[in-house]
Amino acid sequence: MKLAEALIMRADKQKRLEQLKERLLRNVKVQQDSQPAEKPEKLLAELETLTKDLMLLIQQINKTNSNTKFDKSRTMSDALAERDILVQKQSIYREVVKSASVTHDRLMRSEIKFVATVKVAEMQKRADDLAKQHRDLDTKIQELNWKTELTE
């Protein structure tokens, strides 16, 4: 199985786990003398099986990422960490731009005037550069995901 397929399976199992949680929460309490729509014991057994399968899959993905060379100096895990940081930095720069760009119309001269303490255009350019770096890195990661066999 390719790493990309395992990542799709992980996402599916995580979605199923969330749905299972919701089903379980809906069925752990009913009106007196009523029956739940689904048996909580059965749902709990399914929870145990699903979480065990998910844990094994995550361990295989992590092992694969740690052992897969991304380039000459980095593993896939290194590239994923870099991608995560790029996303966070880009988000912060975008928020800085948004905050510094807000204008407050003054009706009277006695009202407080706000001015930006950063160069908005430079911050926007930096956010755009980070977005491009993220797209480029993510494309390479996705390509490698489809070429890499999952470690058993």
Protein backbone atom coordinates (compact mmCIF):
# COMPACT_ATOMS: atom_id res chain seq x y z
CA MET A 1 0.00 0.00 0.00
CA LYS A 2 1.24 3.48 -0.82
CA LEU A 3 1.69 6.08 1.91
CA ALA A 4 -0.94 8.30 0.26
CA GLU A 5 -3.48 5.48 0.47
CA ALA A 6 -2.67 5.00 4.15
CA LEU A 7 -3.19 8.73 4.75
CA ILE A 8 -6.62 8.51 3.09
CA MET A 9 -7.45 5.49 5.25
CA ARG A 10 -6.30 7.37 8.37
CA ALA A 11 -8.57 10.31 7.53
CA ASP A 12 -11.47 7.92 6.95
CA LYS A 13 -10.87 6.12 10.25
CA GLN A 14 -10.63 9.43 12.11
CA LYS A 15 -13.94 10.53 10.59
CA ARG A 16 -15.51 7.19 11.52
CA LEU A 17 -14.16 7.56 15.06
CA GLU A 18 -15.79 10.98 15.41
CA GLN A 19 -19.09 9.61 14.08
CA LEU A 20 -18.84 6.66 16.45
CA LYS A 21 -18.30 9.03 19.36
CA GLU A 22 -21.45 10.96 18.41
CA ARG A 23 -23.46 7.75 18.13
CA LEU A 24 -22.17 6.57 21.48
CA LEU A 25 -23.01 9.86 23.20
CA ARG A 26 -26.55 9.76 21.77
CA ASN A 27 -27.10 6.26 23.16
CA VAL A 28 -25.60 6.29 26.65
CA LYS A 29 -28.67 7.88 28.22
CA VAL A 30 -32.36 7.34 27.49
CA GLN A 31 -35.65 8.00 29.21
CA GLN A 32 -36.58 5.52 31.87
CA ASP A 33 -38.28 2.42 30.42
CA SER A 34 -36.89 3.22 26.93
CA GLN A 35 -34.25 1.45 24.88
CA PRO A 36 -31.33 3.14 23.13
CA ALA A 37 -31.35 3.13 19.32
CA GLU A 38 -28.02 1.28 19.43
CA LYS A 39 -26.48 -0.83 22.17
CA PRO A 40 -23.66 1.11 23.86
CA GLU A 41 -21.76 -2.15 24.52
CA LYS A 42 -21.64 -2.85 20.79
CA LEU A 43 -20.54 0.71 20.06
CA LEU A 44 -17.82 0.49 22.72
CA ALA A 45 -16.54 -2.76 21.21
CA GLU A 46 -16.45 -1.05 17.81
CA LEU A 47 -14.59 1.86 19.42
CA GLU A 48 -11.92 -0.47 20.78
CA THR A 49 -11.43 -2.18 17.41
CA LEU A 50 -11.37 1.07 15.45
CA THR A 51 -8.91 2.81 17.78
CA LYS A 52 -6.60 -0.21 17.73
CA ASP A 53 -6.63 -0.25 13.92
CA LEU A 54 -6.13 3.52 13.78
CA MET A 55 -3.20 3.38 16.18
CA LEU A 56 -1.45 0.70 14.12
CA LEU A 57 -2.01 2.70 10.93
CA ILE A 58 -0.68 5.90 12.52
CA GLN A 59 2.38 4.03 13.79
CA GLN A 60 3.05 2.71 10.28
CA ILE A 61 2.63 6.18 8.77
CA ASN A 62 4.96 7.71 11.36
CA LYS A 63 7.55 4.98 10.84
CA THR A 64 7.34 5.45 7.08
CA ASN A 65 7.69 9.23 7.39
CA SER A 66 10.69 8.87 9.69
CA ASN A 67 12.46 6.42 7.38
CA THR A 68 11.64 8.06 4.04
CA LYS A 69 14.21 10.43 2.56
CA PHE A 70 12.57 13.62 1.32
CA ASP A 71 15.77 15.02 -0.13
CA LYS A 72 19.50 14.74 0.58
CA SER A 73 19.31 16.29 4.04
CA ARG A 74 15.72 15.78 5.25
CA THR A 75 13.29 12.97 5.99
CA MET A 76 9.60 13.14 5.22
CA SER A 77 9.01 13.89 8.91
CA ASP A 78 11.30 16.91 8.63
CA ALA A 79 9.40 18.15 5.56
CA LEU A 80 6.06 17.70 7.32
CA ALA A 81 7.28 19.71 10.31
CA GLU A 82 8.48 22.44 7.97
CA ARG A 83 5.11 22.47 6.19
CA ASP A 84 3.27 22.81 9.50
CA ILE A 85 5.43 25.76 10.51
CA LEU A 86 4.92 27.43 7.13
CA VAL A 87 1.16 27.20 7.63
CA GLN A 88 1.40 28.71 11.11
CA LYS A 89 3.71 31.53 10.03
CA GLN A 90 1.56 32.34 7.01
CA SER A 91 -1.54 32.49 9.22
CA ILE A 92 0.16 34.87 11.65
CA TYR A 93 1.40 37.16 8.86
CA ARG A 94 -2.11 37.24 7.35
CA GLU A 95 -3.59 38.17 10.75
CA VAL A 96 -0.96 40.90 11.20
CA VAL A 97 -1.89 42.32 7.78
CA LYS A 98 -5.58 42.18 8.62
CA SER A 99 -5.09 43.85 11.99
CA ALA A 100 -2.76 46.55 10.68
CA SER A 101 -5.03 47.27 7.72
CA VAL A 102 -8.13 48.06 9.77
CA THR A 103 -9.01 51.69 9.48
CA HIS A 104 -11.03 53.58 12.02
CA ASP A 105 -12.87 56.52 10.61
CA ARG A 106 -12.69 59.52 12.87
CA LEU A 107 -15.65 61.82 12.99
CA MET A 108 -13.93 64.43 15.11
CA ARG A 109 -10.31 65.49 15.55
CA SER A 110 -10.51 64.68 19.25
CA GLU A 111 -11.04 60.97 18.54
CA ILE A 112 -8.08 58.61 18.84
CA LYS A 113 -6.21 57.95 15.63
CA PHE A 114 -4.68 54.54 15.02
CA VAL A 115 -1.65 53.98 12.81
CA ALA A 116 0.01 50.77 11.69
CA THR A 117 3.33 49.97 13.34
CA VAL A 118 4.37 47.59 10.54
CA LYS A 119 4.65 47.97 6.80
CA VAL A 120 1.50 46.24 5.61
CA ALA A 121 2.70 45.72 2.04
CA GLU A 122 5.87 43.99 3.29
CA MET A 123 3.86 41.80 5.65
CA GLN A 124 1.48 40.88 2.81
CA LYS A 125 4.39 40.01 0.54
CA ARG A 126 5.88 37.83 3.28
CA ALA A 127 2.54 36.04 3.75
CA ASP A 128 2.31 35.48 -0.02
CA ASP A 129 5.90 34.14 -0.13
CA LEU A 130 5.12 31.74 2.72
CA ALA A 131 1.98 30.56 0.90
CA LYS A 132 4.03 29.83 -2.22
CA GLN A 133 6.67 27.96 -0.18
CA HIS A 134 3.88 25.95 1.44
CA ARG A 135 2.28 25.07 -1.92
CA ASP A 136 5.61 24.03 -3.42
CA LEU A 137 6.56 21.90 -0.41
CA ASP A 138 3.09 20.36 -0.15
CA THR A 139 3.19 19.40 -3.84
CA LYS A 140 6.50 17.59 -3.34
CA ILE A 141 5.17 15.86 -0.22
CA GLN A 142 2.03 14.69 -2.05
CA GLU A 143 4.11 13.40 -4.95
CA LEU A 144 6.37 11.43 -2.62
CA ASN A 145 3.32 10.08 -0.73
CA TRP A 146 2.13 8.40 -3.93
CA LYS A 147 5.58 6.92 -4.66
CA THR A 148 6.36 5.62 -1.16
CA GLU A 149 5.36 2.19 0.10
CA LEU A 150 3.96 2.09 3.63
CA THR A 151 6.33 0.50 6.17
CA GLU A 152 4.74 -2.58 7.72
